[in-house]
């Protein structure tokens, strides 16, 4: 009963935006490449070839960050319901995708691209516009992205100041995050990874999983506290890591 009351009195629309990972559930030799996304005809033809490998995005990615993230979401959704936190994924092939969107295996990434190619790919996928439109409807947004994926966002977004955006990112990339009232940088780099005993490539997902575990124990009010002071994320995970 108390749990139902909390859901009624402390309700926030929460979104996590993470990146695709190189490791995938299926890795056939003929997975999609950059050129396969170039035209609708070629994309549909190649997708048909890979139809036996079509999988929901949440299940397709198997990188360490993604596995930790999904573990955290599973726990918090089990306690508070499937709609408590939404998940979208930025893919250098598909663009912005919902976790339940079915995709086929591909080998395309923003990582390692020069700035010109990165922005060209991002613009073609309408990453900025699609993310901007999506986050406008949320009360709290977590971004678990690496450097190139943050660059692909082409910040800032024109959304109300009532939409706090929290970026977990290595301290060396602080310059990528605009200094605006509704955008918050939380340093999550190698130093934090060492303290938590986790690999850097998995850190952001691990941090979010830890946060979800605290929410499961102490209530949804933890998300409200993080919304008011995003730096509490670090204290929370270090105490409970």
C-alpha atoms as a PDB file:
ATOM      1  CA  UNK A   1       0.000   0.000   0.000  1.00  0.00           C
ATOM      2  CA  UNK A   2       2.820   2.385   0.911  1.00  0.00           C
ATOM      3  CA  UNK A   3       4.551   1.517  -2.347  1.00  0.00           C
ATOM      4  CA  UNK A   4       1.385   2.337  -4.320  1.00  0.00           C
ATOM      5  CA  UNK A   5       1.065   5.655  -2.468  1.00  0.00           C
ATOM      6  CA  UNK A   6       4.671   6.525  -3.323  1.00  0.00           C
ATOM      7  CA  UNK A   7       4.050   5.816  -6.978  1.00  0.00           C
ATOM      8  CA  UNK A   8       1.082   8.164  -6.850  1.00  0.00           C
ATOM      9  CA  UNK A   9       2.771  10.994  -4.965  1.00  0.00           C
ATOM     10  CA  UNK A  10       6.276  10.790  -6.480  1.00  0.00           C
ATOM     11  CA  UNK A  11       5.813  10.227 -10.160  1.00  0.00           C
ATOM     12  CA  UNK A  12       8.423  11.279 -12.664  1.00  0.00           C
ATOM     13  CA  UNK A  13       8.896  10.422 -16.290  1.00  0.00           C
ATOM     14  CA  UNK A  14      12.477   9.171 -16.405  1.00  0.00           C
ATOM     15  CA  UNK A  15      14.496   8.386 -19.514  1.00  0.00           C
ATOM     16  CA  UNK A  16      17.870   6.776 -20.049  1.00  0.00           C
ATOM     17  CA  UNK A  17      19.698   7.306 -23.336  1.00  0.00           C
ATOM     18  CA  UNK A  18      22.618   4.966 -23.871  1.00  0.00           C
ATOM     19  CA  UNK A  19      24.780   4.008 -26.823  1.00  0.00           C
ATOM     20  CA  UNK A  20      24.916   0.915 -28.970  1.00  0.00           C
ATOM     21  CA  UNK A  21      27.769  -1.494 -28.326  1.00  0.00           C
ATOM     22  CA  UNK A  22      30.111  -3.350 -30.639  1.00  0.00           C
ATOM     23  CA  UNK A  23      29.315  -6.620 -28.919  1.00  0.00           C
ATOM     24  CA  UNK A  24      25.978  -8.024 -30.030  1.00  0.00           C
ATOM     25  CA  UNK A  25      23.912 -11.136 -29.457  1.00  0.00           C
ATOM     26  CA  UNK A  26      24.261 -12.113 -33.113  1.00  0.00           C
ATOM     27  CA  UNK A  27      27.383 -11.471 -35.200  1.00  0.00           C
ATOM     28  CA  UNK A  28      26.891 -13.068 -38.613  1.00  0.00           C
ATOM     29  CA  UNK A  29      29.598 -12.387 -41.208  1.00  0.00           C
ATOM     30  CA  UNK A  30      27.161 -10.458 -43.408  1.00  0.00           C
ATOM     31  CA  UNK A  31      25.931  -7.973 -40.792  1.00  0.00           C
ATOM     32  CA  UNK A  32      24.952  -4.514 -42.017  1.00  0.00           C
ATOM     33  CA  UNK A  33      27.682  -1.965 -42.800  1.00  0.00           C
ATOM     34  CA  UNK A  34      27.673   1.800 -43.420  1.00  0.00           C
ATOM     35  CA  UNK A  35      26.769   1.450 -47.095  1.00  0.00           C
ATOM     36  CA  UNK A  36      23.766  -0.746 -46.316  1.00  0.00           C
ATOM     37  CA  UNK A  37      22.057   2.168 -44.585  1.00  0.00           C
ATOM     38  CA  UNK A  38      22.655   4.513 -47.547  1.00  0.00           C
ATOM     39  CA  UNK A  39      19.419   3.827 -49.420  1.00  0.00           C
ATOM     40  CA  UNK A  40      16.009   2.478 -48.295  1.00  0.00           C
ATOM     41  CA  UNK A  41      16.073  -0.164 -51.026  1.00  0.00           C
ATOM     42  CA  UNK A  42      19.459  -1.562 -50.033  1.00  0.00           C
ATOM     43  CA  UNK A  43      18.576  -1.383 -46.356  1.00  0.00           C
ATOM     44  CA  UNK A  44      15.366  -3.384 -46.848  1.00  0.00           C
ATOM     45  CA  UNK A  45      17.119  -5.932 -49.056  1.00  0.00           C
ATOM     46  CA  UNK A  46      19.933  -6.490 -46.604  1.00  0.00           C
ATOM     47  CA  UNK A  47      17.579  -6.529 -43.616  1.00  0.00           C
ATOM     48  CA  UNK A  48      15.593  -9.298 -45.293  1.00  0.00           C
ATOM     49  CA  UNK A  49      18.798 -11.307 -45.617  1.00  0.00           C
ATOM     50  CA  UNK A  50      19.293 -11.025 -41.871  1.00  0.00           C
ATOM     51  CA  UNK A  51      15.683 -11.551 -40.810  1.00  0.00           C
ATOM     52  CA  UNK A  52      16.542 -14.668 -38.788  1.00  0.00           C
ATOM     53  CA  UNK A  53      18.728 -12.520 -36.522  1.00  0.00           C
ATOM     54  CA  UNK A  54      16.163  -9.763 -35.901  1.00  0.00           C
ATOM     55  CA  UNK A  55      16.096  -8.988 -32.171  1.00  0.00           C
ATOM     56  CA  UNK A  56      14.783  -6.251 -29.882  1.00  0.00           C
ATOM     57  CA  UNK A  57      17.458  -3.613 -29.370  1.00  0.00           C
ATOM     58  CA  UNK A  58      17.571  -4.154 -25.601  1.00  0.00           C
ATOM     59  CA  UNK A  59      18.528  -7.776 -26.194  1.00  0.00           C
ATOM     60  CA  UNK A  60      20.796  -7.246 -29.210  1.00  0.00           C
ATOM     61  CA  UNK A  61      23.530  -5.325 -27.407  1.00  0.00           C
ATOM     62  CA  UNK A  62      25.726  -7.343 -25.073  1.00  0.00           C
ATOM     63  CA  UNK A  63      28.524  -4.915 -24.172  1.00  0.00           C
ATOM     64  CA  UNK A  64      29.417  -4.629 -20.483  1.00  0.00           C
ATOM     65  CA  UNK A  65      27.866  -1.183 -19.997  1.00  0.00           C
ATOM     66  CA  UNK A  66      24.628  -2.338 -21.573  1.00  0.00           C
ATOM     67  CA  UNK A  67      24.444  -5.507 -19.472  1.00  0.00           C
ATOM     68  CA  UNK A  68      24.850  -3.559 -16.233  1.00  0.00           C
ATOM     69  CA  UNK A  69      22.278  -0.996 -17.362  1.00  0.00           C
ATOM     70  CA  UNK A  70      19.719  -3.667 -18.229  1.00  0.00           C
ATOM     71  CA  UNK A  71      20.311  -5.404 -14.893  1.00  0.00           C
ATOM     72  CA  UNK A  72      19.540  -2.142 -13.094  1.00  0.00           C
ATOM     73  CA  UNK A  73      16.430  -1.515 -15.165  1.00  0.00           C
ATOM     74  CA  UNK A  74      15.196  -5.038 -14.542  1.00  0.00           C
ATOM     75  CA  UNK A  75      15.479  -4.559 -10.779  1.00  0.00           C
ATOM     76  CA  UNK A  76      13.794  -1.171 -10.592  1.00  0.00           C
ATOM     77  CA  UNK A  77      11.031  -2.215 -12.993  1.00  0.00           C
ATOM     78  CA  UNK A  78      10.348  -5.344 -10.963  1.00  0.00           C
ATOM     79  CA  UNK A  79       9.658  -3.192  -7.919  1.00  0.00           C
ATOM     80  CA  UNK A  80       7.941  -0.175  -9.481  1.00  0.00           C
ATOM     81  CA  UNK A  81       6.601  -1.401 -12.810  1.00  0.00           C
ATOM     82  CA  UNK A  82       7.817  -1.479 -16.396  1.00  0.00           C
ATOM     83  CA  UNK A  83       6.986   2.173 -17.079  1.00  0.00           C
ATOM     84  CA  UNK A  84       9.076   3.693 -14.267  1.00  0.00           C
ATOM     85  CA  UNK A  85      12.100   4.263 -16.549  1.00  0.00           C
ATOM     86  CA  UNK A  86      12.182   4.333 -20.356  1.00  0.00           C
ATOM     87  CA  UNK A  87      15.219   3.390 -22.415  1.00  0.00           C
ATOM     88  CA  UNK A  88      16.343   4.594 -25.831  1.00  0.00           C
ATOM     89  CA  UNK A  89      19.584   3.764 -27.601  1.00  0.00           C
ATOM     90  CA  UNK A  90      21.668   5.849 -29.980  1.00  0.00           C
ATOM     91  CA  UNK A  91      22.840   3.697 -32.868  1.00  0.00           C
ATOM     92  CA  UNK A  92      25.239   4.885 -35.544  1.00  0.00           C
ATOM     93  CA  UNK A  93      23.288   2.716 -37.965  1.00  0.00           C
ATOM     94  CA  UNK A  94      19.661   3.094 -36.963  1.00  0.00           C
ATOM     95  CA  UNK A  95      19.754   6.460 -35.224  1.00  0.00           C
ATOM     96  CA  UNK A  96      17.665   6.840 -32.065  1.00  0.00           C
ATOM     97  CA  UNK A  97      15.814   3.621 -31.265  1.00  0.00           C
ATOM     98  CA  UNK A  98      13.504   2.444 -28.488  1.00  0.00           C
ATOM     99  CA  UNK A  99      14.569  -0.597 -26.523  1.00  0.00           C
ATOM    100  CA  UNK A 100      11.781  -2.759 -27.976  1.00  0.00           C
ATOM    101  CA  UNK A 101      12.515  -1.847 -31.597  1.00  0.00           C
ATOM    102  CA  UNK A 102      13.567  -4.888 -33.605  1.00  0.00           C
ATOM    103  CA  UNK A 103      16.906  -4.555 -35.394  1.00  0.00           C
ATOM    104  CA  UNK A 104      19.314  -6.809 -37.238  1.00  0.00           C
ATOM    105  CA  UNK A 105      23.069  -7.071 -36.567  1.00  0.00           C
ATOM    106  CA  UNK A 106      25.279  -4.307 -37.922  1.00  0.00           C
ATOM    107  CA  UNK A 107      28.827  -3.062 -37.637  1.00  0.00           C
ATOM    108  CA  UNK A 108      28.601   0.742 -37.619  1.00  0.00           C
ATOM    109  CA  UNK A 109      29.858   3.146 -34.933  1.00  0.00           C
ATOM    110  CA  UNK A 110      30.539   6.816 -34.259  1.00  0.00           C
ATOM    111  CA  UNK A 111      33.747   5.881 -32.442  1.00  0.00           C
ATOM    112  CA  UNK A 112      36.916   6.697 -34.356  1.00  0.00           C
ATOM    113  CA  UNK A 113      35.253   8.940 -36.945  1.00  0.00           C
ATOM    114  CA  UNK A 114      36.756  12.362 -37.682  1.00  0.00           C
ATOM    115  CA  UNK A 115      34.511  15.283 -36.782  1.00  0.00           C
ATOM    116  CA  UNK A 116      33.347  15.900 -40.354  1.00  0.00           C
ATOM    117  CA  UNK A 117      32.239  12.312 -40.909  1.00  0.00           C
ATOM    118  CA  UNK A 118      30.748  12.106 -37.429  1.00  0.00           C
ATOM    119  CA  UNK A 119      28.557  15.178 -37.892  1.00  0.00           C
ATOM    120  CA  UNK A 120      27.564  14.109 -41.394  1.00  0.00           C
ATOM    121  CA  UNK A 121      26.444  10.715 -40.098  1.00  0.00           C
ATOM    122  CA  UNK A 122      24.679  12.268 -37.123  1.00  0.00           C
ATOM    123  CA  UNK A 123      22.866  14.777 -39.336  1.00  0.00           C
ATOM    124  CA  UNK A 124      21.771  12.058 -41.733  1.00  0.00           C
ATOM    125  CA  UNK A 125      20.265  10.125 -38.833  1.00  0.00           C
ATOM    126  CA  UNK A 126      18.691  13.311 -37.389  1.00  0.00           C
ATOM    127  CA  UNK A 127      20.152  12.466 -33.992  1.00  0.00           C
ATOM    128  CA  UNK A 128      19.885  15.989 -32.573  1.00  0.00           C
ATOM    129  CA  UNK A 129      16.301  16.581 -33.686  1.00  0.00           C
ATOM    130  CA  UNK A 130      15.020  13.173 -32.645  1.00  0.00           C
ATOM    131  CA  UNK A 131      16.639  13.264 -29.201  1.00  0.00           C
ATOM    132  CA  UNK A 132      15.494  16.848 -28.642  1.00  0.00           C
ATOM    133  CA  UNK A 133      11.903  15.907 -29.485  1.00  0.00           C
ATOM    134  CA  UNK A 134      12.020  12.834 -27.266  1.00  0.00           C
ATOM    135  CA  UNK A 135      13.467  14.333 -24.091  1.00  0.00           C
ATOM    136  CA  UNK A 136      11.062  17.286 -24.065  1.00  0.00           C
ATOM    137  CA  UNK A 137       8.428  14.978 -22.586  1.00  0.00           C
ATOM    138  CA  UNK A 138      10.492  13.788 -19.605  1.00  0.00           C
ATOM    139  CA  UNK A 139      11.168  15.031 -16.079  1.00  0.00           C
ATOM    140  CA  UNK A 140      14.671  13.571 -15.812  1.00  0.00           C
ATOM    141  CA  UNK A 141      17.066  12.295 -18.489  1.00  0.00           C
ATOM    142  CA  UNK A 142      20.260  10.296 -17.963  1.00  0.00           C
ATOM    143  CA  UNK A 143      22.819  10.143 -20.787  1.00  0.00           C
ATOM    144  CA  UNK A 144      25.226   7.201 -20.629  1.00  0.00           C
ATOM    145  CA  UNK A 145      27.348   7.985 -23.667  1.00  0.00           C
ATOM    146  CA  UNK A 146      30.985   8.067 -24.689  1.00  0.00           C
ATOM    147  CA  UNK A 147      32.754  11.043 -26.239  1.00  0.00           C
ATOM    148  CA  UNK A 148      31.799  10.562 -29.883  1.00  0.00           C
ATOM    149  CA  UNK A 149      28.191   9.783 -29.046  1.00  0.00           C
ATOM    150  CA  UNK A 150      27.937  12.992 -27.000  1.00  0.00           C
ATOM    151  CA  UNK A 151      29.427  14.880 -29.947  1.00  0.00           C
ATOM    152  CA  UNK A 152      26.807  13.312 -32.208  1.00  0.00           C
ATOM    153  CA  UNK A 153      24.086  14.944 -30.081  1.00  0.00           C
ATOM    154  CA  UNK A 154      25.338  18.407 -31.113  1.00  0.00           C
ATOM    155  CA  UNK A 155      24.341  19.975 -27.795  1.00  0.00           C
ATOM    156  CA  UNK A 156      22.522  21.909 -26.499  1.00  0.00           C
ATOM    157  CA  UNK A 157      18.888  21.000 -26.992  1.00  0.00           C
ATOM    158  CA  UNK A 158      16.119  23.568 -27.062  1.00  0.00           C
ATOM    159  CA  UNK A 159      13.949  22.098 -24.338  1.00  0.00           C
ATOM    160  CA  UNK A 160      12.381  23.645 -21.220  1.00  0.00           C
ATOM    161  CA  UNK A 161      14.582  24.168 -18.184  1.00  0.00           C
ATOM    162  CA  UNK A 162      12.251  21.745 -16.421  1.00  0.00           C
ATOM    163  CA  UNK A 163      14.001  18.880 -18.267  1.00  0.00           C
ATOM    164  CA  UNK A 164      17.229  18.157 -16.338  1.00  0.00           C
ATOM    165  CA  UNK A 165      19.812  16.301 -18.423  1.00  0.00           C
ATOM    166  CA  UNK A 166      22.482  14.384 -16.541  1.00  0.00           C
ATOM    167  CA  UNK A 167      25.621  13.341 -18.434  1.00  0.00           C
ATOM    168  CA  UNK A 168      27.944  10.717 -16.967  1.00  0.00           C
ATOM    169  CA  UNK A 169      31.242  11.288 -18.733  1.00  0.00           C
ATOM    170  CA  UNK A 170      34.978  11.206 -18.147  1.00  0.00           C
ATOM    171  CA  UNK A 171      36.367  14.408 -16.619  1.00  0.00           C
ATOM    172  CA  UNK A 172      38.551  15.007 -19.667  1.00  0.00           C
ATOM    173  CA  UNK A 173      35.449  15.568 -21.787  1.00  0.00           C
ATOM    174  CA  UNK A 174      33.829  18.182 -19.555  1.00  0.00           C
ATOM    175  CA  UNK A 175      34.182  20.702 -22.389  1.00  0.00           C
ATOM    176  CA  UNK A 176      31.593  18.809 -24.442  1.00  0.00           C
ATOM    177  CA  UNK A 177      28.825  19.583 -21.947  1.00  0.00           C
ATOM    178  CA  UNK A 178      27.364  23.119 -22.181  1.00  0.00           C
ATOM    179  CA  UNK A 179      27.238  25.182 -19.003  1.00  0.00           C
ATOM    180  CA  UNK A 180      23.465  25.590 -18.797  1.00  0.00           C
ATOM    181  CA  UNK A 181      21.057  25.399 -15.827  1.00  0.00           C
ATOM    182  CA  UNK A 182      19.353  22.205 -16.981  1.00  0.00           C
ATOM    183  CA  UNK A 183      22.473  20.329 -18.128  1.00  0.00           C
ATOM    184  CA  UNK A 184      24.560  18.571 -15.503  1.00  0.00           C
ATOM    185  CA  UNK A 185      27.975  16.955 -15.815  1.00  0.00           C
ATOM    186  CA  UNK A 186      28.757  14.094 -13.447  1.00  0.00           C
ATOM    187  CA  UNK A 187      32.406  12.954 -13.701  1.00  0.00           C
ATOM    188  CA  UNK A 188      32.515   9.238 -14.389  1.00  0.00           C
ATOM    189  CA  UNK A 189      35.977   8.304 -15.578  1.00  0.00           C
ATOM    190  CA  UNK A 190      38.847   5.982 -14.786  1.00  0.00           C
ATOM    191  CA  UNK A 191      39.274   7.265 -11.216  1.00  0.00           C
ATOM    192  CA  UNK A 192      35.704   6.361 -10.305  1.00  0.00           C
ATOM    193  CA  UNK A 193      36.049   3.037 -12.117  1.00  0.00           C
ATOM    194  CA  UNK A 194      39.041   2.141  -9.945  1.00  0.00           C
ATOM    195  CA  UNK A 195      37.192   3.071  -6.756  1.00  0.00           C
ATOM    196  CA  UNK A 196      34.250   0.893  -7.739  1.00  0.00           C
ATOM    197  CA  UNK A 197      36.402  -1.949  -9.040  1.00  0.00           C
ATOM    198  CA  UNK A 198      34.830  -1.989 -12.482  1.00  0.00           C
ATOM    199  CA  UNK A 199      36.255  -1.596 -15.981  1.00  0.00           C
ATOM    200  CA  UNK A 200      35.965   1.889 -17.478  1.00  0.00           C
ATOM    201  CA  UNK A 201      34.011   0.628 -20.499  1.00  0.00           C
ATOM    202  CA  UNK A 202      31.327  -0.695 -18.141  1.00  0.00           C
ATOM    203  CA  UNK A 203      31.347   2.190 -15.651  1.00  0.00           C
ATOM    204  CA  UNK A 204      28.280   4.193 -16.719  1.00  0.00           C
ATOM    205  CA  UNK A 205      26.069   1.133 -16.813  1.00  0.00           C
ATOM    206  CA  UNK A 206      27.410  -0.031 -13.445  1.00  0.00           C
ATOM    207  CA  UNK A 207      26.761   3.369 -11.867  1.00  0.00           C
ATOM    208  CA  UNK A 208      23.173   3.363 -13.098  1.00  0.00           C
ATOM    209  CA  UNK A 209      22.656  -0.194 -11.855  1.00  0.00           C
ATOM    210  CA  UNK A 210      23.886   0.828  -8.413  1.00  0.00           C
ATOM    211  CA  UNK A 211      21.552   3.809  -8.438  1.00  0.00           C
ATOM    212  CA  UNK A 212      18.623   1.536  -9.326  1.00  0.00           C
ATOM    213  CA  UNK A 213      19.481  -0.792  -6.445  1.00  0.00           C
ATOM    214  CA  UNK A 214      19.377   2.122  -4.010  1.00  0.00           C
ATOM    215  CA  UNK A 215      16.029   3.247  -5.460  1.00  0.00           C
ATOM    216  CA  UNK A 216      14.678  -0.277  -4.942  1.00  0.00           C
ATOM    217  CA  UNK A 217      15.727  -0.196  -1.263  1.00  0.00           C
ATOM    218  CA  UNK A 218      14.957   3.417  -0.365  1.00  0.00           C
ATOM    219  CA  UNK A 219      12.210   4.474  -2.760  1.00  0.00           C
ATOM    220  CA  UNK A 220      11.580   6.539  -5.852  1.00  0.00           C
ATOM    221  CA  UNK A 221      12.360   9.681  -3.868  1.00  0.00           C
ATOM    222  CA  UNK A 222      16.027   8.916  -4.646  1.00  0.00           C
ATOM    223  CA  UNK A 223      15.375   9.916  -8.262  1.00  0.00           C
ATOM    224  CA  UNK A 224      13.818  13.161  -7.044  1.00  0.00           C
ATOM    225  CA  UNK A 225      16.884  13.868  -4.900  1.00  0.00           C
ATOM    226  CA  UNK A 226      19.176  13.177  -7.861  1.00  0.00           C
ATOM    227  CA  UNK A 227      17.072  15.497  -9.986  1.00  0.00           C
ATOM    228  CA  UNK A 228      17.629  18.291  -7.465  1.00  0.00           C
ATOM    229  CA  UNK A 229      21.344  17.517  -7.039  1.00  0.00           C
ATOM    230  CA  UNK A 230      22.821  15.229  -9.731  1.00  0.00           C
ATOM    231  CA  UNK A 231      26.182  15.029  -7.930  1.00  0.00           C
ATOM    232  CA  UNK A 232      24.456  12.842  -5.334  1.00  0.00           C
ATOM    233  CA  UNK A 233      24.824  10.014  -7.853  1.00  0.00           C
ATOM    234  CA  UNK A 234      28.526   9.739  -7.002  1.00  0.00           C
ATOM    235  CA  UNK A 235      27.941   9.692  -3.240  1.00  0.00           C
ATOM    236  CA  UNK A 236      25.198   7.130  -3.655  1.00  0.00           C
ATOM    237  CA  UNK A 237      27.207   4.663  -5.712  1.00  0.00           C
ATOM    238  CA  UNK A 238      30.416   5.076  -3.688  1.00  0.00           C
ATOM    239  CA  UNK A 239      28.592   4.379  -0.427  1.00  0.00           C
ATOM    240  CA  UNK A 240      26.732   1.434  -1.928  1.00  0.00           C
ATOM    241  CA  UNK A 241      29.393   0.230  -4.385  1.00  0.00           C
END
